[in-house]
């Protein structure tokens, strides 16, 4: 289950950035969005997205269920994606996504 982050989005529009990344990821997986809701973690606003897709390669192929969480605070952007065969239970994806934490920045000694 992939996880990524990037920095350097100063001044970027929150809605445009999050929606663009969401759409590009789902399109890249040949998928369609089922539902989304706004979420937050600390100072990071986010979105939780449920989608379906069809995978042609990887650990498995065929119809898949996916969940994505995106967090963005205007500078740093986090994306987590979990996929499972559509016939499988998705509790593992939810557990993975729920385990993610954004820790406060450490202070220099």
N, C-alpha and C. Protein backbone atom coordinates (compact mmCIF):
# COMPACT_ATOMS: atom_id res chain seq x y z
N UNK A 1 0.84 -1.17 0.00
CA UNK A 1 0.00 0.00 0.00
C UNK A 1 0.89 1.23 0.00
N UNK A 2 0.81 2.02 -1.04
CA UNK A 2 1.71 3.16 -1.17
C UNK A 2 1.37 4.34 -0.27
N UNK A 3 2.41 5.06 0.02
CA UNK A 3 2.34 6.29 0.80
C UNK A 3 3.32 7.25 0.15
N UNK A 4 2.94 8.51 0.01
CA UNK A 4 3.88 9.49 -0.55
C UNK A 4 3.64 10.84 0.10
N UNK A 5 4.68 11.68 0.02
CA UNK A 5 4.53 13.07 0.44
C UNK A 5 5.43 13.94 -0.40
N UNK A 6 5.04 15.20 -0.53
CA UNK A 6 5.85 16.20 -1.21
C UNK A 6 5.75 17.51 -0.46
N UNK A 7 6.79 18.31 -0.59
CA UNK A 7 6.84 19.65 -0.01
C UNK A 7 6.88 20.67 -1.15
N UNK A 8 6.73 21.93 -0.79
CA UNK A 8 6.94 22.99 -1.76
C UNK A 8 5.71 23.44 -2.49
N UNK A 9 4.57 23.34 -1.86
CA UNK A 9 3.32 23.76 -2.50
C UNK A 9 2.84 25.11 -1.98
N UNK A 10 3.76 25.96 -1.50
CA UNK A 10 3.37 27.24 -0.91
C UNK A 10 2.47 28.03 -1.86
N UNK A 11 1.38 28.51 -1.30
CA UNK A 11 0.46 29.34 -2.07
C UNK A 11 -0.50 28.56 -2.96
N UNK A 12 -0.39 27.24 -2.98
CA UNK A 12 -1.28 26.43 -3.83
C UNK A 12 -2.69 26.43 -3.25
N UNK A 13 -3.67 26.43 -4.12
CA UNK A 13 -5.06 26.36 -3.71
C UNK A 13 -5.35 24.95 -3.18
N UNK A 14 -5.90 24.87 -1.97
CA UNK A 14 -6.14 23.57 -1.33
C UNK A 14 -7.05 22.69 -2.17
N UNK A 15 -8.20 23.21 -2.55
CA UNK A 15 -9.18 22.41 -3.29
C UNK A 15 -8.62 21.94 -4.62
N UNK A 16 -8.01 22.85 -5.36
CA UNK A 16 -7.46 22.49 -6.67
C UNK A 16 -6.36 21.44 -6.54
N UNK A 17 -5.47 21.60 -5.58
CA UNK A 17 -4.37 20.66 -5.40
C UNK A 17 -4.88 19.28 -5.03
N UNK A 18 -5.74 19.21 -4.03
CA UNK A 18 -6.24 17.92 -3.56
C UNK A 18 -7.08 17.23 -4.63
N UNK A 19 -7.97 17.96 -5.28
CA UNK A 19 -8.81 17.36 -6.31
C UNK A 19 -8.00 16.90 -7.51
N UNK A 20 -6.99 17.66 -7.89
CA UNK A 20 -6.15 17.29 -9.02
C UNK A 20 -5.39 15.99 -8.74
N UNK A 21 -4.81 15.89 -7.55
CA UNK A 21 -4.08 14.67 -7.19
C UNK A 21 -5.03 13.47 -7.07
N UNK A 22 -6.19 13.69 -6.48
CA UNK A 22 -7.20 12.62 -6.38
C UNK A 22 -7.59 12.11 -7.77
N UNK A 23 -7.92 13.04 -8.66
CA UNK A 23 -8.37 12.66 -10.00
C UNK A 23 -7.28 11.96 -10.79
N UNK A 24 -6.04 12.46 -10.70
CA UNK A 24 -4.93 11.84 -11.44
C UNK A 24 -4.67 10.42 -10.95
N UNK A 25 -4.76 10.21 -9.64
CA UNK A 25 -4.52 8.88 -9.09
C UNK A 25 -5.61 7.90 -9.52
N UNK A 26 -6.86 8.30 -9.39
CA UNK A 26 -7.96 7.42 -9.78
C UNK A 26 -7.94 7.15 -11.27
N UNK A 27 -7.67 8.18 -12.08
CA UNK A 27 -7.59 7.99 -13.53
C UNK A 27 -6.44 7.04 -13.89
N UNK A 28 -5.30 7.18 -13.21
CA UNK A 28 -4.16 6.30 -13.47
C UNK A 28 -4.43 4.85 -13.13
N UNK A 29 -5.40 4.61 -12.26
CA UNK A 29 -5.79 3.25 -11.89
C UNK A 29 -7.01 2.78 -12.67
N UNK A 30 -7.42 3.56 -13.69
CA UNK A 30 -8.58 3.23 -14.50
C UNK A 30 -9.80 3.04 -13.61
N UNK A 31 -10.01 4.01 -12.70
CA UNK A 31 -11.06 3.85 -11.70
C UNK A 31 -12.13 4.90 -11.75
N UNK A 32 -13.08 4.76 -10.82
CA UNK A 32 -14.14 5.76 -10.66
C UNK A 32 -14.38 5.95 -9.17
N UNK A 33 -14.61 7.21 -8.80
CA UNK A 33 -14.85 7.55 -7.41
C UNK A 33 -16.24 7.09 -7.00
N UNK A 34 -16.33 6.48 -5.81
CA UNK A 34 -17.62 6.06 -5.25
C UNK A 34 -18.13 7.10 -4.27
N UNK A 35 -17.26 7.56 -3.37
CA UNK A 35 -17.65 8.60 -2.41
C UNK A 35 -16.41 9.27 -1.84
N UNK A 36 -16.61 10.45 -1.30
CA UNK A 36 -15.53 11.16 -0.62
C UNK A 36 -16.11 12.00 0.50
N UNK A 37 -15.27 12.27 1.47
CA UNK A 37 -15.67 13.16 2.55
C UNK A 37 -14.44 13.91 3.03
N UNK A 38 -14.67 15.10 3.56
CA UNK A 38 -13.57 15.89 4.09
C UNK A 38 -13.21 15.37 5.47
N UNK A 39 -11.91 15.34 5.75
CA UNK A 39 -11.38 14.88 7.02
C UNK A 39 -10.28 15.86 7.44
N UNK A 40 -9.72 15.65 8.61
CA UNK A 40 -8.57 16.45 9.04
C UNK A 40 -7.72 15.65 10.00
N UNK A 41 -6.47 16.09 10.12
CA UNK A 41 -5.54 15.52 11.09
C UNK A 41 -4.61 16.64 11.50
N UNK A 42 -4.72 17.08 12.74
CA UNK A 42 -3.91 18.21 13.19
C UNK A 42 -4.22 19.43 12.35
N UNK A 43 -3.17 20.08 11.83
CA UNK A 43 -3.33 21.27 11.00
C UNK A 43 -3.58 20.94 9.53
N UNK A 44 -3.73 19.67 9.21
CA UNK A 44 -3.89 19.24 7.82
C UNK A 44 -5.36 18.95 7.53
N UNK A 45 -5.92 19.67 6.56
CA UNK A 45 -7.23 19.32 6.03
C UNK A 45 -7.02 18.17 5.06
N UNK A 46 -8.06 17.38 4.84
CA UNK A 46 -7.89 16.26 3.93
C UNK A 46 -9.19 15.76 3.35
N UNK A 47 -9.04 14.70 2.57
CA UNK A 47 -10.18 14.01 1.98
C UNK A 47 -9.95 12.51 2.12
N UNK A 48 -11.04 11.82 2.38
CA UNK A 48 -11.06 10.36 2.37
C UNK A 48 -11.88 9.96 1.16
N UNK A 49 -11.31 9.13 0.30
CA UNK A 49 -11.95 8.79 -0.97
C UNK A 49 -12.05 7.27 -1.10
N UNK A 50 -13.23 6.79 -1.46
CA UNK A 50 -13.44 5.39 -1.77
C UNK A 50 -13.65 5.29 -3.28
N UNK A 51 -13.00 4.32 -3.91
CA UNK A 51 -13.12 4.19 -5.36
C UNK A 51 -13.03 2.73 -5.78
N UNK A 52 -13.41 2.47 -7.00
CA UNK A 52 -13.27 1.16 -7.63
C UNK A 52 -12.38 1.34 -8.84
N UNK A 53 -11.62 0.29 -9.16
CA UNK A 53 -10.75 0.37 -10.33
C UNK A 53 -10.55 -1.02 -10.90
N UNK A 54 -9.83 -1.09 -12.00
CA UNK A 54 -9.49 -2.35 -12.63
C UNK A 54 -7.99 -2.36 -12.86
N UNK A 55 -7.31 -3.32 -12.25
CA UNK A 55 -5.86 -3.40 -12.35
C UNK A 55 -5.46 -4.42 -13.41
N UNK A 56 -4.49 -4.05 -14.24
CA UNK A 56 -4.03 -4.97 -15.29
C UNK A 56 -2.74 -5.68 -14.89
N UNK A 57 -2.08 -5.22 -13.82
CA UNK A 57 -0.84 -5.87 -13.37
C UNK A 57 -0.59 -5.51 -11.92
N UNK A 58 0.43 -6.11 -11.35
CA UNK A 58 0.77 -5.86 -9.97
C UNK A 58 0.57 -7.12 -9.15
N UNK A 59 0.42 -6.97 -7.84
CA UNK A 59 0.24 -8.15 -6.98
C UNK A 59 -1.01 -8.94 -7.31
N UNK A 60 -2.01 -8.27 -7.91
CA UNK A 60 -3.22 -8.95 -8.39
C UNK A 60 -3.76 -8.14 -9.56
N UNK A 61 -4.61 -8.74 -10.35
CA UNK A 61 -5.22 -8.01 -11.47
C UNK A 61 -6.73 -8.22 -11.43
N UNK A 62 -7.43 -7.34 -12.12
CA UNK A 62 -8.88 -7.42 -12.17
C UNK A 62 -9.53 -6.33 -11.33
N UNK A 63 -10.83 -6.50 -11.07
CA UNK A 63 -11.57 -5.49 -10.31
C UNK A 63 -11.00 -5.32 -8.91
N UNK A 64 -10.90 -4.07 -8.47
CA UNK A 64 -10.33 -3.78 -7.15
C UNK A 64 -11.15 -2.69 -6.45
N UNK A 65 -11.10 -2.74 -5.12
CA UNK A 65 -11.67 -1.70 -4.28
C UNK A 65 -10.51 -0.89 -3.72
N UNK A 66 -10.66 0.41 -3.67
CA UNK A 66 -9.58 1.24 -3.18
C UNK A 66 -10.06 2.31 -2.22
N UNK A 67 -9.15 2.69 -1.35
CA UNK A 67 -9.37 3.81 -0.44
C UNK A 67 -8.14 4.70 -0.49
N UNK A 68 -8.38 5.98 -0.42
CA UNK A 68 -7.30 6.96 -0.47
C UNK A 68 -7.56 8.02 0.59
N UNK A 69 -6.50 8.46 1.23
CA UNK A 69 -6.59 9.61 2.12
C UNK A 69 -5.52 10.61 1.70
N UNK A 70 -5.95 11.84 1.59
CA UNK A 70 -5.08 12.93 1.16
C UNK A 70 -5.11 13.99 2.26
N UNK A 71 -3.93 14.45 2.65
CA UNK A 71 -3.81 15.52 3.64
C UNK A 71 -2.92 16.61 3.05
N UNK A 72 -3.34 17.88 3.21
CA UNK A 72 -2.57 18.99 2.64
C UNK A 72 -2.74 20.20 3.53
N UNK A 73 -1.62 20.85 3.89
CA UNK A 73 -1.69 22.04 4.75
C UNK A 73 -1.20 23.30 4.05
N UNK A 74 -1.12 23.29 2.73
CA UNK A 74 -0.65 24.46 2.00
C UNK A 74 0.83 24.41 1.69
N UNK A 75 1.54 23.50 2.32
CA UNK A 75 2.98 23.31 2.06
C UNK A 75 3.28 21.84 1.82
N UNK A 76 2.95 21.00 2.78
CA UNK A 76 3.24 19.57 2.67
C UNK A 76 1.97 18.82 2.32
N UNK A 77 2.15 17.81 1.48
CA UNK A 77 1.05 17.03 0.94
C UNK A 77 1.33 15.55 1.20
N UNK A 78 0.38 14.83 1.81
CA UNK A 78 0.50 13.39 2.03
C UNK A 78 -0.62 12.68 1.29
N UNK A 79 -0.29 11.53 0.69
CA UNK A 79 -1.30 10.68 0.07
C UNK A 79 -1.04 9.23 0.45
N UNK A 80 -2.09 8.55 0.89
CA UNK A 80 -2.04 7.13 1.20
C UNK A 80 -3.08 6.44 0.35
N UNK A 81 -2.72 5.30 -0.24
CA UNK A 81 -3.65 4.56 -1.09
C UNK A 81 -3.56 3.08 -0.72
N UNK A 82 -4.72 2.46 -0.57
CA UNK A 82 -4.79 1.03 -0.33
C UNK A 82 -5.72 0.38 -1.33
N UNK A 83 -5.31 -0.77 -1.85
CA UNK A 83 -6.10 -1.51 -2.84
C UNK A 83 -6.26 -2.96 -2.41
N UNK A 84 -7.39 -3.55 -2.75
CA UNK A 84 -7.63 -4.97 -2.50
C UNK A 84 -8.52 -5.50 -3.62
N UNK A 85 -8.44 -6.80 -3.90
CA UNK A 85 -9.39 -7.35 -4.87
C UNK A 85 -10.81 -7.02 -4.45
N UNK A 86 -11.66 -6.72 -5.42
CA UNK A 86 -13.02 -6.29 -5.10
C UNK A 86 -13.77 -7.34 -4.28
N UNK A 87 -13.42 -8.60 -4.44
CA UNK A 87 -14.09 -9.67 -3.71
C UNK A 87 -13.58 -9.83 -2.28
N UNK A 88 -12.48 -9.15 -1.94
CA UNK A 88 -11.88 -9.29 -0.61
C UNK A 88 -12.46 -8.28 0.37
N UNK A 89 -12.27 -8.55 1.65
CA UNK A 89 -12.67 -7.59 2.68
C UNK A 89 -11.63 -6.48 2.72
N UNK A 90 -12.08 -5.27 3.04
CA UNK A 90 -11.18 -4.11 3.00
C UNK A 90 -10.77 -3.63 4.38
N UNK A 91 -10.98 -4.42 5.43
CA UNK A 91 -10.59 -3.99 6.77
C UNK A 91 -9.10 -3.71 6.87
N UNK A 92 -8.29 -4.47 6.13
CA UNK A 92 -6.85 -4.25 6.16
C UNK A 92 -6.46 -2.88 5.61
N UNK A 93 -7.17 -2.44 4.59
CA UNK A 93 -6.91 -1.11 4.03
C UNK A 93 -7.24 -0.04 5.08
N UNK A 94 -8.40 -0.17 5.69
CA UNK A 94 -8.81 0.81 6.69
C UNK A 94 -7.83 0.82 7.86
N UNK A 95 -7.38 -0.34 8.28
CA UNK A 95 -6.42 -0.41 9.39
C UNK A 95 -5.11 0.30 9.02
N UNK A 96 -4.63 0.08 7.81
CA UNK A 96 -3.43 0.75 7.34
C UNK A 96 -3.63 2.27 7.34
N UNK A 97 -4.71 2.74 6.76
CA UNK A 97 -4.97 4.17 6.68
C UNK A 97 -5.13 4.78 8.08
N UNK A 98 -5.80 4.07 8.97
CA UNK A 98 -6.00 4.56 10.33
C UNK A 98 -4.70 4.62 11.13
N UNK A 99 -3.69 3.85 10.72
CA UNK A 99 -2.42 3.83 11.47
C UNK A 99 -1.54 5.04 11.17
N UNK A 100 -1.85 5.78 10.13
CA UNK A 100 -1.04 6.93 9.74
C UNK A 100 -1.21 8.06 10.74
N UNK A 101 -0.09 8.68 11.11
CA UNK A 101 -0.10 9.83 12.01
C UNK A 101 0.83 10.90 11.46
N UNK A 102 0.45 12.13 11.65
CA UNK A 102 1.33 13.24 11.32
C UNK A 102 1.90 13.75 12.64
N UNK A 103 3.19 13.54 12.83
CA UNK A 103 3.83 13.92 14.08
C UNK A 103 4.30 15.36 14.03
N UNK A 104 4.34 16.02 15.17
CA UNK A 104 4.85 17.40 15.17
C UNK A 104 6.32 17.42 14.76
N UNK A 105 6.72 18.51 14.15
CA UNK A 105 8.11 18.65 13.73
C UNK A 105 9.01 18.62 14.95
N UNK A 106 10.15 17.96 14.82
CA UNK A 106 11.09 17.93 15.94
C UNK A 106 11.83 19.25 16.01
N UNK A 107 12.21 19.63 17.20
CA UNK A 107 12.94 20.89 17.40
C UNK A 107 14.42 20.60 17.49
N UNK A 108 15.21 21.45 16.88
CA UNK A 108 16.66 21.28 16.91
C UNK A 108 17.16 21.53 18.34
N UNK A 109 18.18 20.75 18.77
CA UNK A 109 18.72 20.94 20.14
C UNK A 109 19.42 22.25 20.28
